[in-house]
Amino acid sequence: SFDGCISISAVQWLCNANKKSDIPAKRLYCFFSSLYSVL
């Protein structure tokens, strides 16, 4: 869908677990794999 992507001061938020179900590595992979797809 997209020709490129930018992000300012946001990605580091995925490295913190705010609830028991949050696993940073899995959330990061979900983010990056979907980002790879939409580009």
Full PDB file with SEQRES, HELIX, SHEET, SSBOND, CRYST1, ORIGX, SCALE, CONECT and MASTER records, all heavy atoms in Angstrom:
SEQRES   1 A   39  SER PHE ASP GLY CYS ILE SER ILE SER ALA VAL GLN TRP          
SEQRES   2 A   39  LEU CYS ASN ALA ASN LYS LYS SER ASP ILE PRO ALA LYS          
SEQRES   3 A   39  ARG LEU TYR CYS PHE PHE SER SER LEU TYR SER VAL LEU          
HELIX    1 AA1 VAL A   11  CYS A   15  5                                   5    
HELIX    2 AA2 PRO A   24  VAL A   38  1                                  15    
CRYST1    1.000    1.000    1.000  90.00  90.00  90.00 P 1           1          
ORIGX1      1.000000  0.000000  0.000000        0.00000                         
ORIGX2      0.000000  1.000000  0.000000        0.00000                         
ORIGX3      0.000000  0.000000  1.000000        0.00000                         
SCALE1      1.000000  0.000000  0.000000        0.00000                         
SCALE2      0.000000  1.000000  0.000000        0.00000                         
SCALE3      0.000000  0.000000  1.000000        0.00000                         
ATOM      1  N   SER A   1       0.805  -1.224   0.000  1.00  0.00           N  
ATOM      2  CA  SER A   1       0.000   0.000   0.000  1.00  0.00           C  
ATOM      3  C   SER A   1       0.839   1.275   0.000  1.00  0.00           C  
ATOM      4  O   SER A   1       0.385   2.311  -0.494  1.00  0.00           O  
ATOM      5  CB  SER A   1      -0.933   0.027   1.216  1.00  0.00           C  
ATOM      6  OG  SER A   1      -1.876  -1.014   1.161  1.00  0.00           O  
ATOM      7  N   PHE A   2       2.059   1.230   0.555  1.00  0.00           N  
ATOM      8  CA  PHE A   2       2.799   2.464   0.811  1.00  0.00           C  
ATOM      9  C   PHE A   2       4.173   2.468   0.119  1.00  0.00           C  
ATOM     10  O   PHE A   2       4.831   1.434  -0.013  1.00  0.00           O  
ATOM     11  CB  PHE A   2       2.993   2.675   2.313  1.00  0.00           C  
ATOM     12  CG  PHE A   2       1.708   2.831   3.057  1.00  0.00           C  
ATOM     13  CD1 PHE A   2       1.141   1.752   3.727  1.00  0.00           C  
ATOM     14  CD2 PHE A   2       1.043   4.052   3.085  1.00  0.00           C  
ATOM     15  CE1 PHE A   2      -0.052   1.886   4.420  1.00  0.00           C  
ATOM     16  CE2 PHE A   2      -0.154   4.200   3.766  1.00  0.00           C  
ATOM     17  CZ  PHE A   2      -0.705   3.113   4.427  1.00  0.00           C  
ATOM     18  N   ASP A   3       4.565   3.680  -0.284  1.00  0.00           N  
ATOM     19  CA  ASP A   3       5.868   3.876  -0.928  1.00  0.00           C  
ATOM     20  C   ASP A   3       6.992   4.076   0.083  1.00  0.00           C  
ATOM     21  O   ASP A   3       8.169   4.126  -0.289  1.00  0.00           O  
ATOM     22  CB  ASP A   3       5.820   5.101  -1.852  1.00  0.00           C  
ATOM     23  CG  ASP A   3       4.762   4.960  -2.930  1.00  0.00           C  
ATOM     24  OD1 ASP A   3       4.717   3.896  -3.574  1.00  0.00           O  
ATOM     25  OD2 ASP A   3       3.974   5.908  -3.118  1.00  0.00           O  
ATOM     26  N   GLY A   4       6.655   4.215   1.344  1.00  0.00           N  
ATOM     27  CA  GLY A   4       7.655   4.415   2.374  1.00  0.00           C  
ATOM     28  C   GLY A   4       6.984   4.631   3.708  1.00  0.00           C  
ATOM     29  O   GLY A   4       5.758   4.791   3.801  1.00  0.00           O  
ATOM     30  N   CYS A   5       7.788   4.644   4.763  1.00  0.00           N  
ATOM     31  CA  CYS A   5       7.250   4.806   6.114  1.00  0.00           C  
ATOM     32  C   CYS A   5       8.234   5.587   6.958  1.00  0.00           C  
ATOM     33  O   CYS A   5       9.452   5.389   6.859  1.00  0.00           O  
ATOM     34  CB  CYS A   5       6.987   3.430   6.740  1.00  0.00           C  
ATOM     35  SG  CYS A   5       6.657   3.480   8.522  1.00  0.00           S  
ATOM     36  N   ILE A   6       7.716   6.479   7.795  1.00  0.00           N  
ATOM     37  CA  ILE A   6       8.535   7.139   8.796  1.00  0.00           C  
ATOM     38  C   ILE A   6       7.873   6.957  10.160  1.00  0.00           C  
ATOM     39  O   ILE A   6       6.668   6.681  10.245  1.00  0.00           O  
ATOM     40  CB  ILE A   6       8.754   8.640   8.524  1.00  0.00           C  
ATOM     41  CG1 ILE A   6       7.454   9.433   8.715  1.00  0.00           C  
ATOM     42  CG2 ILE A   6       9.350   8.877   7.149  1.00  0.00           C  
ATOM     43  CD1 ILE A   6       7.664  10.937   8.768  1.00  0.00           C  
ATOM     44  N   SER A   7       8.666   7.110  11.204  1.00  0.00           N  
ATOM     45  CA  SER A   7       8.148   7.066  12.562  1.00  0.00           C  
ATOM     46  C   SER A   7       9.072   7.888  13.443  1.00  0.00           C  
ATOM     47  O   SER A   7      10.297   7.775  13.333  1.00  0.00           O  
ATOM     48  CB  SER A   7       8.085   5.618  13.074  1.00  0.00           C  
ATOM     49  OG  SER A   7       7.647   5.574  14.427  1.00  0.00           O  
ATOM     50  N   ILE A   8       8.498   8.727  14.276  1.00  0.00           N  
ATOM     51  CA  ILE A   8       9.285   9.596  15.152  1.00  0.00           C  
ATOM     52  C   ILE A   8       8.984   9.247  16.608  1.00  0.00           C  
ATOM     53  O   ILE A   8       7.859   9.396  17.075  1.00  0.00           O  
ATOM     54  CB  ILE A   8       8.972  11.084  14.898  1.00  0.00           C  
ATOM     55  CG1 ILE A   8       9.147  11.435  13.406  1.00  0.00           C  
ATOM     56  CG2 ILE A   8       9.856  11.970  15.767  1.00  0.00           C  
ATOM     57  CD1 ILE A   8      10.546  11.211  12.861  1.00  0.00           C  
ATOM     58  N   SER A   9       9.998   8.748  17.306  1.00  0.00           N  
ATOM     59  CA  SER A   9       9.942   8.523  18.757  1.00  0.00           C  
ATOM     60  C   SER A   9       8.811   7.598  19.178  1.00  0.00           C  
ATOM     61  O   SER A   9       8.106   7.888  20.152  1.00  0.00           O  
ATOM     62  CB  SER A   9       9.816   9.856  19.493  1.00  0.00           C  
ATOM     63  OG  SER A   9      10.757  10.786  19.035  1.00  0.00           O  
ATOM     64  N   ALA A  10       8.632   6.491  18.470  1.00  0.00           N  
ATOM     65  CA  ALA A  10       7.511   5.613  18.802  1.00  0.00           C  
ATOM     66  C   ALA A  10       7.905   4.159  19.030  1.00  0.00           C  
ATOM     67  O   ALA A  10       7.369   3.505  19.932  1.00  0.00           O  
ATOM     68  CB  ALA A  10       6.459   5.682  17.686  1.00  0.00           C  
ATOM     69  N   VAL A  11       8.836   3.626  18.264  1.00  0.00           N  
ATOM     70  CA  VAL A  11       9.084   2.179  18.256  1.00  0.00           C  
ATOM     71  C   VAL A  11       9.557   1.653  19.606  1.00  0.00           C  
ATOM     72  O   VAL A  11       9.251   0.515  19.984  1.00  0.00           O  
ATOM     73  CB  VAL A  11      10.103   1.824  17.149  1.00  0.00           C  
ATOM     74  CG1 VAL A  11      10.432   0.339  17.169  1.00  0.00           C  
ATOM     75  CG2 VAL A  11       9.551   2.213  15.790  1.00  0.00           C  
ATOM     76  N   GLN A  12      10.291   2.465  20.381  1.00  0.00           N  
ATOM     77  CA  GLN A  12      10.807   1.970  21.659  1.00  0.00           C  
ATOM     78  C   GLN A  12       9.695   1.617  22.644  1.00  0.00           C  
ATOM     79  O   GLN A  12       9.905   0.869  23.594  1.00  0.00           O  
ATOM     80  CB  GLN A  12      11.765   2.982  22.292  1.00  0.00           C  
ATOM     81  CG  GLN A  12      11.115   4.241  22.836  1.00  0.00           C  
ATOM     82  CD  GLN A  12      11.007   5.338  21.788  1.00  0.00           C  
ATOM     83  OE1 GLN A  12      11.383   5.148  20.633  1.00  0.00           O  
ATOM     84  NE2 GLN A  12      10.498   6.490  22.191  1.00  0.00           N  
ATOM     85  N   TRP A  13       8.485   2.123  22.404  1.00  0.00           N  
ATOM     86  CA  TRP A  13       7.361   1.793  23.281  1.00  0.00           C  
ATOM     87  C   TRP A  13       7.021   0.304  23.227  1.00  0.00           C  
ATOM     88  O   TRP A  13       6.461  -0.245  24.179  1.00  0.00           O  
ATOM     89  CB  TRP A  13       6.138   2.611  22.903  1.00  0.00           C  
ATOM     90  CG  TRP A  13       6.195   4.032  23.363  1.00  0.00           C  
ATOM     91  CD1 TRP A  13       6.728   5.093  22.686  1.00  0.00           C  
ATOM     92  CD2 TRP A  13       5.718   4.562  24.603  1.00  0.00           C  
ATOM     93  NE1 TRP A  13       6.613   6.252  23.421  1.00  0.00           N  
ATOM     94  CE2 TRP A  13       5.989   5.961  24.605  1.00  0.00           C  
ATOM     95  CE3 TRP A  13       5.080   4.002  25.708  1.00  0.00           C  
ATOM     96  CZ2 TRP A  13       5.643   6.782  25.674  1.00  0.00           C  
ATOM     97  CZ3 TRP A  13       4.729   4.835  26.774  1.00  0.00           C  
ATOM     98  CH2 TRP A  13       5.010   6.193  26.753  1.00  0.00           C  
ATOM     99  N   LEU A  14       7.346  -0.361  22.124  1.00  0.00           N  
ATOM    100  CA  LEU A  14       7.027  -1.783  21.991  1.00  0.00           C  
ATOM    101  C   LEU A  14       7.929  -2.671  22.846  1.00  0.00           C  
ATOM    102  O   LEU A  14       7.671  -3.863  22.977  1.00  0.00           O  
ATOM    103  CB  LEU A  14       7.134  -2.210  20.521  1.00  0.00           C  
ATOM    104  CG  LEU A  14       6.114  -1.610  19.565  1.00  0.00           C  
ATOM    105  CD1 LEU A  14       6.374  -2.085  18.149  1.00  0.00           C  
ATOM    106  CD2 LEU A  14       4.695  -1.962  19.991  1.00  0.00           C  
ATOM    107  N   CYS A  15       8.976  -2.101  23.405  1.00  0.00           N  
ATOM    108  CA  CYS A  15       9.923  -2.892  24.204  1.00  0.00           C  
ATOM    109  C   CYS A  15       9.483  -3.046  25.649  1.00  0.00           C  
ATOM    110  O   CYS A  15      10.185  -3.678  26.449  1.00  0.00           O  
ATOM    111  CB  CYS A  15      11.309  -2.253  24.157  1.00  0.00           C  
ATOM    112  SG  CYS A  15      12.045  -2.227  22.514  1.00  0.00           S  
ATOM    113  N   ASN A  16       8.346  -2.481  26.007  1.00  0.00           N  
ATOM    114  CA  ASN A  16       7.863  -2.551  27.382  1.00  0.00           C  
ATOM    115  C   ASN A  16       6.540  -3.304  27.441  1.00  0.00           C  
ATOM    116  O   ASN A  16       5.674  -3.135  26.583  1.00  0.00           O  
ATOM    117  CB  ASN A  16       7.675  -1.143  27.956  1.00  0.00           C  
ATOM    118  CG  ASN A  16       8.983  -0.394  28.077  1.00  0.00           C  
ATOM    119  OD1 ASN A  16       9.712  -0.545  29.048  1.00  0.00           O  
ATOM    120  ND2 ASN A  16       9.292   0.425  27.069  1.00  0.00           N  
ATOM    121  N   ALA A  17       6.405  -4.140  28.458  1.00  0.00           N  
ATOM    122  CA  ALA A  17       5.187  -4.917  28.654  1.00  0.00           C  
ATOM    123  C   ALA A  17       4.305  -4.203  29.675  1.00  0.00           C  
ATOM    124  O   ALA A  17       4.667  -4.084  30.847  1.00  0.00           O  
ATOM    125  CB  ALA A  17       5.525  -6.323  29.129  1.00  0.00           C  
ATOM    126  N   ASN A  18       3.158  -3.729  29.233  1.00  0.00           N  
ATOM    127  CA  ASN A  18       2.234  -3.022  30.122  1.00  0.00           C  
ATOM    128  C   ASN A  18       1.178  -3.944  30.724  1.00  0.00           C  
ATOM    129  O   ASN A  18       0.412  -3.532  31.589  1.00  0.00           O  
ATOM    130  CB  ASN A  18       1.564  -1.883  29.366  1.00  0.00           C  
ATOM    131  CG  ASN A  18       2.556  -0.802  28.951  1.00  0.00           C  
ATOM    132  OD1 ASN A  18       3.264  -0.254  29.788  1.00  0.00           O  
ATOM    133  ND2 ASN A  18       2.620  -0.522  27.659  1.00  0.00           N  
ATOM    134  N   LYS A  19       1.142  -5.195  30.258  1.00  0.00           N  
ATOM    135  CA  LYS A  19       0.257  -6.204  30.837  1.00  0.00           C  
ATOM    136  C   LYS A  19       0.887  -7.571  30.620  1.00  0.00           C  
ATOM    137  O   LYS A  19       1.833  -7.720  29.841  1.00  0.00           O  
ATOM    138  CB  LYS A  19      -1.139  -6.132  30.203  1.00  0.00           C  
ATOM    139  CG  LYS A  19      -1.158  -6.094  28.688  1.00  0.00           C  
ATOM    140  CD  LYS A  19      -2.565  -5.820  28.180  1.00  0.00           C  
ATOM    141  CE  LYS A  19      -2.571  -5.708  26.660  1.00  0.00           C  
ATOM    142  NZ  LYS A  19      -3.919  -5.387  26.137  1.00  0.00           N  
ATOM    143  N   LYS A  20       0.370  -8.569  31.321  1.00  0.00           N  
ATOM    144  CA  LYS A  20       1.000  -9.891  31.303  1.00  0.00           C  
ATOM    145  C   LYS A  20       1.046 -10.501  29.910  1.00  0.00           C  
ATOM    146  O   LYS A  20       1.964 -11.254  29.577  1.00  0.00           O  
ATOM    147  CB  LYS A  20       0.258 -10.829  32.265  1.00  0.00           C  
ATOM    148  CG  LYS A  20       0.471 -10.486  33.740  1.00  0.00           C  
ATOM    149  CD  LYS A  20      -0.211 -11.518  34.631  1.00  0.00           C  
ATOM    150  CE  LYS A  20       0.043 -11.205  36.113  1.00  0.00           C  
ATOM    151  NZ  LYS A  20      -0.607 -12.198  37.002  1.00  0.00           N  
ATOM    152  N   SER A  21       0.057 -10.182  29.095  1.00  0.00           N  
ATOM    153  CA  SER A  21      -0.009 -10.779  27.754  1.00  0.00           C  
ATOM    154  C   SER A  21       0.956 -10.128  26.769  1.00  0.00           C  
ATOM    155  O   SER A  21       1.150 -10.631  25.662  1.00  0.00           O  
ATOM    156  CB  SER A  21      -1.436 -10.693  27.210  1.00  0.00           C  
ATOM    157  OG  SER A  21      -1.863  -9.337  27.149  1.00  0.00           O  
ATOM    158  N   ASP A  22       1.560  -8.998  27.145  1.00  0.00           N  
ATOM    159  CA  ASP A  22       2.482  -8.295  26.247  1.00  0.00           C  
ATOM    160  C   ASP A  22       3.862  -8.950  26.289  1.00  0.00           C  
ATOM    161  O   ASP A  22       4.507  -8.987  27.346  1.00  0.00           O  
ATOM    162  CB  ASP A  22       2.619  -6.821  26.645  1.00  0.00           C  
ATOM    163  CG  ASP A  22       1.404  -6.000  26.267  1.00  0.00           C  
ATOM    164  OD1 ASP A  22       0.553  -6.524  25.525  1.00  0.00           O  
ATOM    165  OD2 ASP A  22       1.305  -4.847  26.729  1.00  0.00           O  
ATOM    166  N   ILE A  23       4.296  -9.442  25.159  1.00  0.00           N  
ATOM    167  CA  ILE A  23       5.650 -10.001  25.021  1.00  0.00           C  
ATOM    168  C   ILE A  23       6.370  -9.135  23.995  1.00  0.00           C  
ATOM    169  O   ILE A  23       6.043  -9.179  22.802  1.00  0.00           O  
ATOM    170  CB  ILE A  23       5.611 -11.469  24.573  1.00  0.00           C  
ATOM    171  CG1 ILE A  23       4.815 -12.300  25.575  1.00  0.00           C  
ATOM    172  CG2 ILE A  23       7.025 -12.021  24.420  1.00  0.00           C  
ATOM    173  CD1 ILE A  23       4.629 -13.744  25.170  1.00  0.00           C  
ATOM    174  N   PRO A  24       7.323  -8.309  24.428  1.00  0.00           N  
ATOM    175  CA  PRO A  24       7.950  -7.330  23.522  1.00  0.00           C  
ATOM    176  C   PRO A  24       8.463  -7.926  22.215  1.00  0.00           C  
ATOM    177  O   PRO A  24       8.229  -7.358  21.141  1.00  0.00           O  
ATOM    178  CB  PRO A  24       9.093  -6.762  24.371  1.00  0.00           C  
ATOM    179  CG  PRO A  24       8.583  -6.845  25.765  1.00  0.00           C  
ATOM    180  CD  PRO A  24       7.814  -8.135  25.816  1.00  0.00           C  
ATOM    181  N   ALA A  25       9.144  -9.062  22.261  1.00  0.00           N  
ATOM    182  CA  ALA A  25       9.695  -9.648  21.036  1.00  0.00           C  
ATOM    183  C   ALA A  25       8.587 -10.004  20.045  1.00  0.00           C  
ATOM    184  O   ALA A  25       8.712  -9.759  18.841  1.00  0.00           O  
ATOM    185  CB  ALA A  25      10.523 -10.882  21.377  1.00  0.00           C  
ATOM    186  N   LYS A  26       7.482 -10.550  20.553  1.00  0.00           N  
ATOM    187  CA  LYS A  26       6.377 -10.929  19.676  1.00  0.00           C  
ATOM    188  C   LYS A  26       5.669  -9.699  19.112  1.00  0.00           C  
ATOM    189  O   LYS A  26       5.272  -9.682  17.938  1.00  0.00           O  
ATOM    190  CB  LYS A  26       5.381 -11.810  20.434  1.00  0.00           C  
ATOM    191  CG  LYS A  26       5.898 -13.212  20.724  1.00  0.00           C  
ATOM    192  CD  LYS A  26       4.805 -14.089  21.333  1.00  0.00           C  
ATOM    193  CE  LYS A  26       5.297 -15.509  21.536  1.00  0.00           C  
ATOM    194  NZ  LYS A  26       4.236 -16.375  22.114  1.00  0.00           N  
ATOM    195  N   ARG A  27       5.505  -8.668  19.932  1.00  0.00           N  
ATOM    196  CA  ARG A  27       4.862  -7.450  19.450  1.00  0.00           C  
ATOM    197  C   ARG A  27       5.732  -6.752  18.400  1.00  0.00           C  
ATOM    198  O   ARG A  27       5.224  -6.218  17.405  1.00  0.00           O  
ATOM    199  CB  ARG A  27       4.564  -6.512  20.625  1.00  0.00           C  
ATOM    200  CG  ARG A  27       3.348  -6.946  21.427  1.00  0.00           C  
ATOM    201  CD  ARG A  27       3.169  -6.165  22.709  1.00  0.00           C  
ATOM    202  NE  ARG A  27       3.047  -4.731  22.489  1.00  0.00           N  
ATOM    203  CZ  ARG A  27       1.940  -4.119  22.094  1.00  0.00           C  
ATOM    204  NH1 ARG A  27       0.861  -4.815  21.814  1.00  0.00           N  
ATOM    205  NH2 ARG A  27       1.909  -2.796  21.962  1.00  0.00           N  
ATOM    206  N   LEU A  28       7.030  -6.747  18.624  1.00  0.00           N  
ATOM    207  CA  LEU A  28       7.943  -6.162  17.638  1.00  0.00           C  
ATOM    208  C   LEU A  28       7.901  -6.932  16.326  1.00  0.00           C  
ATOM    209  O   LEU A  28       7.860  -6.330  15.240  1.00  0.00           O  
ATOM    210  CB  LEU A  28       9.369  -6.144  18.194  1.00  0.00           C  
ATOM    211  CG  LEU A  28       9.685  -5.037  19.198  1.00  0.00           C  
ATOM    212  CD1 LEU A  28      10.968  -5.350  19.952  1.00  0.00           C  
ATOM    213  CD2 LEU A  28       9.805  -3.687  18.492  1.00  0.00           C  
ATOM    214  N   TYR A  29       7.897  -8.253  16.405  1.00  0.00           N  
ATOM    215  CA  TYR A  29       7.863  -9.050  15.176  1.00  0.00           C  
ATOM    216  C   TYR A  29       6.544  -8.855  14.433  1.00  0.00           C  
ATOM    217  O   TYR A  29       6.521  -8.747  13.203  1.00  0.00           O  
ATOM    218  CB  TYR A  29       8.068 -10.529  15.488  1.00  0.00           C  
ATOM    219  CG  TYR A  29       8.002 -11.390  14.249  1.00  0.00           C  
ATOM    220  CD1 TYR A  29       9.062 -11.404  13.334  1.00  0.00           C  
ATOM    221  CD2 TYR A  29       6.877 -12.154  13.963  1.00  0.00           C  
ATOM    222  CE1 TYR A  29       8.993 -12.176  12.179  1.00  0.00           C  
ATOM    223  CE2 TYR A  29       6.801 -12.923  12.821  1.00  0.00           C  
ATOM    224  CZ  TYR A  29       7.861 -12.920  11.931  1.00  0.00           C  
ATOM    225  OH  TYR A  29       7.793 -13.671  10.780  1.00  0.00           O  
ATOM    226  N   CYS A  30       5.448  -8.798  15.177  1.00  0.00           N  
ATOM    227  CA  CYS A  30       4.145  -8.551  14.547  1.00  0.00           C  
ATOM    228  C   CYS A  30       4.152  -7.205  13.834  1.00  0.00           C  
ATOM    229  O   CYS A  30       3.655  -7.082  12.707  1.00  0.00           O  
ATOM    230  CB  CYS A  30       3.045  -8.603  15.604  1.00  0.00           C  
ATOM    231  SG  CYS A  30       1.385  -8.317  14.955  1.00  0.00           S  
ATOM    232  N   PHE A  31       4.726  -6.211  14.473  1.00  0.00           N  
ATOM    233  CA  PHE A  31       4.806  -4.878  13.873  1.00  0.00           C  
ATOM    234  C   PHE A  31       5.654  -4.895  12.609  1.00  0.00           C  
ATOM    235  O   PHE A  31       5.228  -4.428  11.540  1.00  0.00           O  
ATOM    236  CB  PHE A  31       5.383  -3.892  14.888  1.00  0.00           C  
ATOM    237  CG  PHE A  31       5.878  -2.609  14.284  1.00  0.00           C  
ATOM    238  CD1 PHE A  31       5.006  -1.733  13.653  1.00  0.00           C  
ATOM    239  CD2 PHE A  31       7.227  -2.274  14.333  1.00  0.00           C  
ATOM    240  CE1 PHE A  31       5.463  -0.544  13.082  1.00  0.00           C  
ATOM    241  CE2 PHE A  31       7.687  -1.097  13.771  1.00  0.00           C  
ATOM    242  CZ  PHE A  31       6.815  -0.234  13.144  1.00  0.00           C  
ATOM    243  N   PHE A  32       6.868  -5.422  12.700  1.00  0.00           N  
ATOM    244  CA  PHE A  32       7.782  -5.385  11.560  1.00  0.00           C  
ATOM    245  C   PHE A  32       7.309  -6.277  10.405  1.00  0.00           C  
ATOM    246  O   PHE A  32       7.471  -5.909   9.234  1.00  0.00           O  
ATOM    247  CB  PHE A  32       9.187  -5.793  11.994  1.00  0.00           C  
ATOM    248  CG  PHE A  32       9.938  -4.710  12.726  1.00  0.00           C  
ATOM    249  CD1 PHE A  32      10.367  -4.903  14.027  1.00  0.00           C  
ATOM    250  CD2 PHE A  32      10.208  -3.498  12.114  1.00  0.00           C  
ATOM    251  CE1 PHE A  32      11.055  -3.905  14.702  1.00  0.00           C  
ATOM    252  CE2 PHE A  32      10.887  -2.488  12.784  1.00  0.00           C  
ATOM    253  CZ  PHE A  32      11.314  -2.693  14.080  1.00  0.00           C  
ATOM    254  N   SER A  33       6.743  -7.415  10.706  1.00  0.00           N  
ATOM    255  CA  SER A  33       6.285  -8.292   9.626  1.00  0.00           C  
ATOM    256  C   SER A  33       5.117  -7.664   8.867  1.00  0.00           C  
ATOM    257  O   SER A  33       5.041  -7.760   7.630  1.00  0.00           O  
ATOM    258  CB  SER A  33       5.889  -9.663  10.184  1.00  0.00           C  
ATOM    259  OG  SER A  33       4.867  -9.542  11.152  1.00  0.00           O  
ATOM    260  N   SER A  34       4.210  -7.013   9.586  1.00  0.00           N  
ATOM    261  CA  SER A  34       3.095  -6.342   8.910  1.00  0.00           C  
ATOM    262  C   SER A  34       3.576  -5.104   8.170  1.00  0.00           C  
ATOM    263  O   SER A  34       3.068  -4.783   7.082  1.00  0.00           O  
ATOM    264  CB  SER A  34       2.003  -5.975   9.916  1.00  0.00           C  
ATOM    265  OG  SER A  34       2.499  -5.089  10.909  1.00  0.00           O  
ATOM    266  N   LEU A  35       4.566  -4.406   8.728  1.00  0.00           N  
ATOM    267  CA  LEU A  35       5.127  -3.244   8.044  1.00  0.00           C  
ATOM    268  C   LEU A  35       5.808  -3.667   6.748  1.00  0.00           C  
ATOM    269  O   LEU A  35       5.657  -3.006   5.705  1.00  0.00           O  
ATOM    270  CB  LEU A  35       6.135  -2.535   8.954  1.00  0.00           C  
ATOM    271  CG  LEU A  35       6.887  -1.337   8.355  1.00  0.00           C  
ATOM    272  CD1 LEU A  35       5.919  -0.246   7.912  1.00  0.00           C  
ATOM    273  CD2 LEU A  35       7.903  -0.776   9.350  1.00  0.00           C  
ATOM    274  N   TYR A  36       6.532  -4.768   6.794  1.00  0.00           N  
ATOM    275  CA  TYR A  36       7.183  -5.282   5.587  1.00  0.00           C  
ATOM    276  C   TYR A  36       6.150  -5.584   4.504  1.00  0.00           C  
ATOM    277  O   TYR A  36       6.376  -5.334   3.319  1.00  0.00           O  
ATOM    278  CB  TYR A  36       7.974  -6.544   5.930  1.00  0.00           C  
ATOM    279  CG  TYR A  36       8.808  -7.094   4.803  1.00  0.00           C  
ATOM    280  CD1 TYR A  36      10.118  -6.665   4.600  1.00  0.00           C  
ATOM    281  CD2 TYR A  36       8.293  -8.044   3.925  1.00  0.00           C  
ATOM    282  CE1 TYR A  36      10.886  -7.163   3.560  1.00  0.00           C  
ATOM    283  CE2 TYR A  36       9.047  -8.555   2.887  1.00  0.00           C  
ATOM    284  CZ  TYR A  36      10.342  -8.109   2.710  1.00  0.00           C  
ATOM    285  OH  TYR A  36      11.104  -8.611   1.673  1.00  0.00           O  
ATOM    286  N   SER A  37       5.000  -6.087   4.925  1.00  0.00           N  
ATOM    287  CA  SER A  37       3.958  -6.454   3.968  1.00  0.00           C  
ATOM    288  C   SER A  37       3.332  -5.230   3.299  1.00  0.00           C  
ATOM    289  O   SER A  37       3.084  -5.245   2.082  1.00  0.00           O  
ATOM    290  CB  SER A  37       2.872  -7.268   4.673  1.00  0.00           C  
ATOM    291  OG  SER A  37       1.768  -7.501   3.825  1.00  0.00           O  
ATOM    292  N   VAL A  38       3.076  -4.159   4.065  1.00  0.00           N  
ATOM    293  CA  VAL A  38       2.335  -3.023   3.508  1.00  0.00           C  
ATOM    294  C   VAL A  38       3.211  -2.108   2.648  1.00  0.00           C  
ATOM    295  O   VAL A  38       2.690  -1.217   1.969  1.00  0.00           O  
ATOM    296  CB  VAL A  38       1.667  -2.186   4.625  1.00  0.00           C  
ATOM    297  CG1 VAL A  38       0.716  -3.046   5.433  1.00  0.00           C  
ATOM    298  CG2 VAL A  38       2.701  -1.511   5.510  1.00  0.00           C  
ATOM    299  N   LEU A  39       4.531  -2.317   2.650  1.00  0.00           N  
ATOM    300  CA  LEU A  39       5.417  -1.517   1.806  1.00  0.00           C  
ATOM    301  C   LEU A  39       5.577  -2.163   0.439  1.00  0.00           C  
ATOM    302  O   LEU A  39       5.612  -3.391   0.318  1.00  0.00           O  
ATOM    303  CB  LEU A  39       6.798  -1.385   2.462  1.00  0.00           C  
ATOM    304  CG  LEU A  39       6.884  -0.591   3.771  1.00  0.00           C  
ATOM    305  CD1 LEU A  39       8.300  -0.660   4.320  1.00  0.00           C  
ATOM    306  CD2 LEU A  39       6.462   0.854   3.561  1.00  0.00           C  
TER     307      LEU A  39                                                      
MASTER        0    0    0    2    0    0    0    6  306    1    0    3          
END                                                                             
